[in-house]
C-alpha atoms as a PDB file:
ATOM      1  CA  MET A   1      74.204 107.177 148.053  1.00  0.00           C
ATOM      2  CA  ALA A   2      75.971 104.903 150.516  1.00  0.00           C
ATOM      3  CA  GLU A   3      77.020 101.669 148.893  1.00  0.00           C
ATOM      4  CA  SER A   4      78.187  98.398 150.382  1.00  0.00           C
ATOM      5  CA  GLU A   5      81.072  96.298 149.118  1.00  0.00           C
ATOM      6  CA  ALA A   6      80.859  94.731 145.657  1.00  0.00           C
ATOM      7  CA  LEU A   7      79.052  91.424 145.227  1.00  0.00           C
ATOM      8  CA  LYS A   8      79.424  88.978 142.337  1.00  0.00           C
ATOM      9  CA  ILE A   9      76.110  87.818 140.923  1.00  0.00           C
ATOM     10  CA  SER A  10      74.404  86.049 138.044  1.00  0.00           C
ATOM     11  CA  PHE A  11      70.937  87.440 137.426  1.00  0.00           C
ATOM     12  CA  MET A  12      68.277  86.601 134.843  1.00  0.00           C
ATOM     13  CA  PHE A  13      65.861  89.436 134.024  1.00  0.00           C
ATOM     14  CA  ALA A  14      62.177  88.795 133.314  1.00  0.00           C
ATOM     15  CA  ASN A  15      62.699  89.643 129.598  1.00  0.00           C
ATOM     16  CA  GLY A  16      65.411  86.965 129.204  1.00  0.00           C
ATOM     17  CA  ASP A  17      68.443  89.266 129.574  1.00  0.00           C
ATOM     18  CA  ARG A  18      71.264  88.029 131.815  1.00  0.00           C
ATOM     19  CA  TYR A  19      73.894  89.854 133.889  1.00  0.00           C
ATOM     20  CA  ASP A  20      77.031  88.239 135.286  1.00  0.00           C
ATOM     21  CA  GLY A  21      79.330  90.462 137.282  1.00  0.00           C
ATOM     22  CA  GLU A  22      79.752  92.906 140.092  1.00  0.00           C
ATOM     23  CA  CYS A  23      77.020  94.866 141.822  1.00  0.00           C
ATOM     24  CA  VAL A  24      76.403  96.738 145.057  1.00  0.00           C
ATOM     25  CA  LYS A  25      73.418  97.272 147.319  1.00  0.00           C
ATOM     26  CA  SER A  26      72.321 100.890 147.547  1.00  0.00           C
ATOM     27  CA  SER A  27      71.210 102.475 150.822  1.00  0.00           C
ATOM     28  CA  ASP A  28      67.583 101.610 149.996  1.00  0.00           C
ATOM     29  CA  GLY A  29      68.470  97.923 149.473  1.00  0.00           C
ATOM     30  CA  THR A  30      68.290  97.970 145.674  1.00  0.00           C
ATOM     31  CA  VAL A  31      70.950  95.907 143.893  1.00  0.00           C
ATOM     32  CA  ILE A  32      72.618  97.876 141.082  1.00  0.00           C
ATOM     33  CA  ARG A  33      75.290  96.952 138.568  1.00  0.00           C
ATOM     34  CA  CYS A  34      78.595  98.534 139.557  1.00  0.00           C
ATOM     35  CA  GLY A  35      82.129  97.391 138.694  1.00  0.00           C
ATOM     36  CA  HIS A  36      82.895  94.939 135.898  1.00  0.00           C
ATOM     37  CA  GLY A  37      80.303  92.694 134.317  1.00  0.00           C
ATOM     38  CA  THR A  38      78.697  91.183 131.223  1.00  0.00           C
ATOM     39  CA  HIS A  39      75.119  91.846 130.164  1.00  0.00           C
ATOM     40  CA  THR A  40      73.704  89.567 127.468  1.00  0.00           C
ATOM     41  CA  SER A  41      70.377  90.645 126.009  1.00  0.00           C
ATOM     42  CA  TYR A  42      67.726  88.169 124.908  1.00  0.00           C
ATOM     43  CA  ASN A  43      68.375  89.215 121.269  1.00  0.00           C
ATOM     44  CA  GLY A  44      72.134  88.519 121.425  1.00  0.00           C
ATOM     45  CA  VAL A  45      73.637  91.960 122.091  1.00  0.00           C
ATOM     46  CA  ILE A  46      76.515  91.536 124.560  1.00  0.00           C
ATOM     47  CA  TYR A  47      78.208  94.243 126.631  1.00  0.00           C
ATOM     48  CA  THR A  48      81.287  93.444 128.680  1.00  0.00           C
ATOM     49  CA  GLY A  49      82.889  96.231 130.650  1.00  0.00           C
ATOM     50  CA  GLN A  50      82.508  98.746 133.418  1.00  0.00           C
ATOM     51  CA  TRP A  51      79.232  99.657 135.116  1.00  0.00           C
ATOM     52  CA  GLU A  52      78.334 102.544 137.399  1.00  0.00           C
ATOM     53  CA  ASP A  53      74.890 103.484 138.727  1.00  0.00           C
ATOM     54  CA  ASP A  54      73.378 100.463 136.911  1.00  0.00           C
ATOM     55  CA  LYS A  55      74.477 101.842 133.500  1.00  0.00           C
ATOM     56  CA  MET A  56      77.316 101.214 131.044  1.00  0.00           C
ATOM     57  CA  ASN A  57      79.863 103.788 132.249  1.00  0.00           C
ATOM     58  CA  GLY A  58      83.609 103.579 131.658  1.00  0.00           C
ATOM     59  CA  THR A  59      85.276 101.346 129.107  1.00  0.00           C
ATOM     60  CA  GLY A  60      83.795  98.282 127.495  1.00  0.00           C
ATOM     61  CA  ARG A  61      82.883  96.329 124.388  1.00  0.00           C
ATOM     62  CA  LEU A  62      79.408  95.968 122.869  1.00  0.00           C
ATOM     63  CA  THR A  63      78.808  93.388 120.149  1.00  0.00           C
ATOM     64  CA  HIS A  64      75.736  92.822 117.984  1.00  0.00           C
ATOM     65  CA  PRO A  65      74.665  89.492 116.445  1.00  0.00           C
ATOM     66  CA  SER A  66      75.110  91.158 113.015  1.00  0.00           C
ATOM     67  CA  GLY A  67      78.871  91.307 113.603  1.00  0.00           C
ATOM     68  CA  ALA A  68      78.983  95.051 114.265  1.00  0.00           C
ATOM     69  CA  SER A  69      80.783  96.082 117.461  1.00  0.00           C
ATOM     70  CA  TYR A  70      81.932  99.064 119.493  1.00  0.00           C
ATOM     71  CA  GLU A  71      84.895  99.160 121.834  1.00  0.00           C
ATOM     72  CA  GLY A  72      85.721 102.231 123.856  1.00  0.00           C
ATOM     73  CA  GLU A  73      84.244 104.671 126.331  1.00  0.00           C
ATOM     74  CA  PHE A  74      80.616 104.675 127.493  1.00  0.00           C
ATOM     75  CA  LYS A  75      78.590 107.225 129.428  1.00  0.00           C
ATOM     76  CA  ASP A  76      75.063 106.512 130.672  1.00  0.00           C
ATOM     77  CA  ASN A  77      74.528 103.599 128.238  1.00  0.00           C
ATOM     78  CA  THR A  78      75.802 105.512 125.176  1.00  0.00           C
ATOM     79  CA  PHE A  79      79.004 105.509 123.093  1.00  0.00           C
ATOM     80  CA  HIS A  80      80.680 108.606 124.497  1.00  0.00           C
ATOM     81  CA  GLY A  81      84.381 109.480 124.276  1.00  0.00           C
ATOM     82  CA  ARG A  82      87.040 107.663 122.243  1.00  0.00           C
ATOM     83  CA  GLY A  83      86.174 104.409 120.575  1.00  0.00           C
ATOM     84  CA  ILE A  84      86.254 102.081 117.585  1.00  0.00           C
ATOM     85  CA  TYR A  85      83.076 101.091 115.772  1.00  0.00           C
ATOM     86  CA  MET A  86      83.342  98.080 113.455  1.00  0.00           C
ATOM     87  CA  PHE A  87      80.553  98.017 110.905  1.00  0.00           C
ATOM     88  CA  GLN A  88      78.958  94.783 109.744  1.00  0.00           C
ATOM     89  CA  ASP A  89      80.686  95.105 106.341  1.00  0.00           C
ATOM     90  CA  GLY A  90      84.174  95.225 107.943  1.00  0.00           C
ATOM     91  CA  SER A  91      84.736  98.975 107.628  1.00  0.00           C
ATOM     92  CA  LYS A  92      85.507 100.859 110.831  1.00  0.00           C
ATOM     93  CA  TYR A  93      85.535 104.284 112.443  1.00  0.00           C
ATOM     94  CA  ILE A  94      88.160 105.219 115.025  1.00  0.00           C
ATOM     95  CA  GLY A  95      87.593 108.469 116.847  1.00  0.00           C
ATOM     96  CA  ASP A  96      85.312 110.501 119.031  1.00  0.00           C
ATOM     97  CA  PHE A  97      81.689 109.777 119.907  1.00  0.00           C
ATOM     98  CA  HIS A  98      79.078 111.929 121.612  1.00  0.00           C
ATOM     99  CA  THR A  99      75.886 110.195 122.824  1.00  0.00           C
ATOM    100  CA  ASN A 100      76.053 107.435 120.172  1.00  0.00           C
ATOM    101  CA  LYS A 101      77.005 109.787 117.325  1.00  0.00           C
ATOM    102  CA  LEU A 102      80.326 110.120 115.491  1.00  0.00           C
ATOM    103  CA  GLN A 103      81.542 113.531 116.635  1.00  0.00           C
ATOM    104  CA  GLY A 104      84.898 115.222 116.028  1.00  0.00           C
ATOM    105  CA  GLU A 105      88.223 114.088 114.629  1.00  0.00           C
ATOM    106  CA  GLY A 106      88.299 110.556 113.358  1.00  0.00           C
ATOM    107  CA  LEU A 107      89.582 107.974 110.943  1.00  0.00           C
ATOM    108  CA  TYR A 108      87.350 105.869 108.704  1.00  0.00           C
ATOM    109  CA  VAL A 109      88.810 102.721 107.141  1.00  0.00           C
ATOM    110  CA  ASP A 110      86.655 101.504 104.246  1.00  0.00           C
ATOM    111  CA  THR A 111      86.141  97.906 103.109  1.00  0.00           C
ATOM    112  CA  LYS A 112      89.153  98.160 100.739  1.00  0.00           C
ATOM    113  CA  GLY A 113      91.451  99.305 103.547  1.00  0.00           C
ATOM    114  CA  LEU A 114      91.644 102.939 102.403  1.00  0.00           C
ATOM    115  CA  GLU A 115      91.971 105.372 105.309  1.00  0.00           C
ATOM    116  CA  TRP A 116      89.993 108.615 105.387  1.00  0.00           C
ATOM    117  CA  THR A 117      90.574 111.343 107.997  1.00  0.00           C
ATOM    118  CA  GLY A 118      88.619 114.409 108.977  1.00  0.00           C
ATOM    119  CA  LYS A 119      85.867 115.769 111.162  1.00  0.00           C
ATOM    120  CA  PHE A 120      82.725 113.735 111.642  1.00  0.00           C
ATOM    121  CA  TYR A 121      79.289 115.045 112.586  1.00  0.00           C
ATOM    122  CA  ASN A 122      76.787 112.235 113.173  1.00  0.00           C
ATOM    123  CA  LYS A 123      76.544 110.590 109.711  1.00  0.00           C
ATOM    124  CA  ALA A 124      78.163 113.461 107.798  1.00  0.00           C
ATOM    125  CA  ALA A 125      81.869 113.989 107.212  1.00  0.00           C
ATOM    126  CA  PRO A 126      82.371 116.946 104.862  1.00  0.00           C
ATOM    127  CA  GLY A 127      85.929 117.375 103.619  1.00  0.00           C
ATOM    128  CA  LEU A 128      87.271 113.902 104.362  1.00  0.00           C
ATOM    129  CA  LYS A 129      90.800 113.421 103.086  1.00  0.00           C
ATOM    130  CA  LEU A 130      92.273 110.189 101.813  1.00  0.00           C
ATOM    131  CA  LYS A 131      95.382 109.288 103.817  1.00  0.00           C
ATOM    132  CA  LEU A 132      98.116 108.453 101.310  1.00  0.00           C
ATOM    133  CA  GLU A 133     101.247 106.508 102.088  1.00  0.00           C
ATOM    134  CA  MET A 134     104.119 107.691  99.925  1.00  0.00           C
END
């Protein structure tokens, strides 16, 4: 797809979402998000980061009104690659993601600050080990 040079826009979607950032016009004249920008949904979810092909692709930060957040790599609007997910309760996971699921080696820090390491598979983490500082 032949693309023109990046434009900076502010756009309000019909559902109340807003996008502020870079975009390009495709060969058919459609404007698509590409480059760096911020998308704020009508319900308060905010993504700031890289866009490609009108999707979250690259690195960025997504925050929820609940206080939960994700910072890291995105692919086709999903958490994909390395990242940090902060849960609403203050605990966090640092590691690998695959299409929005915890996947692979990672570190979980619980609400008391204890660090747990191991392999994660979606919501399961058999064999987690407590990281001790001696």
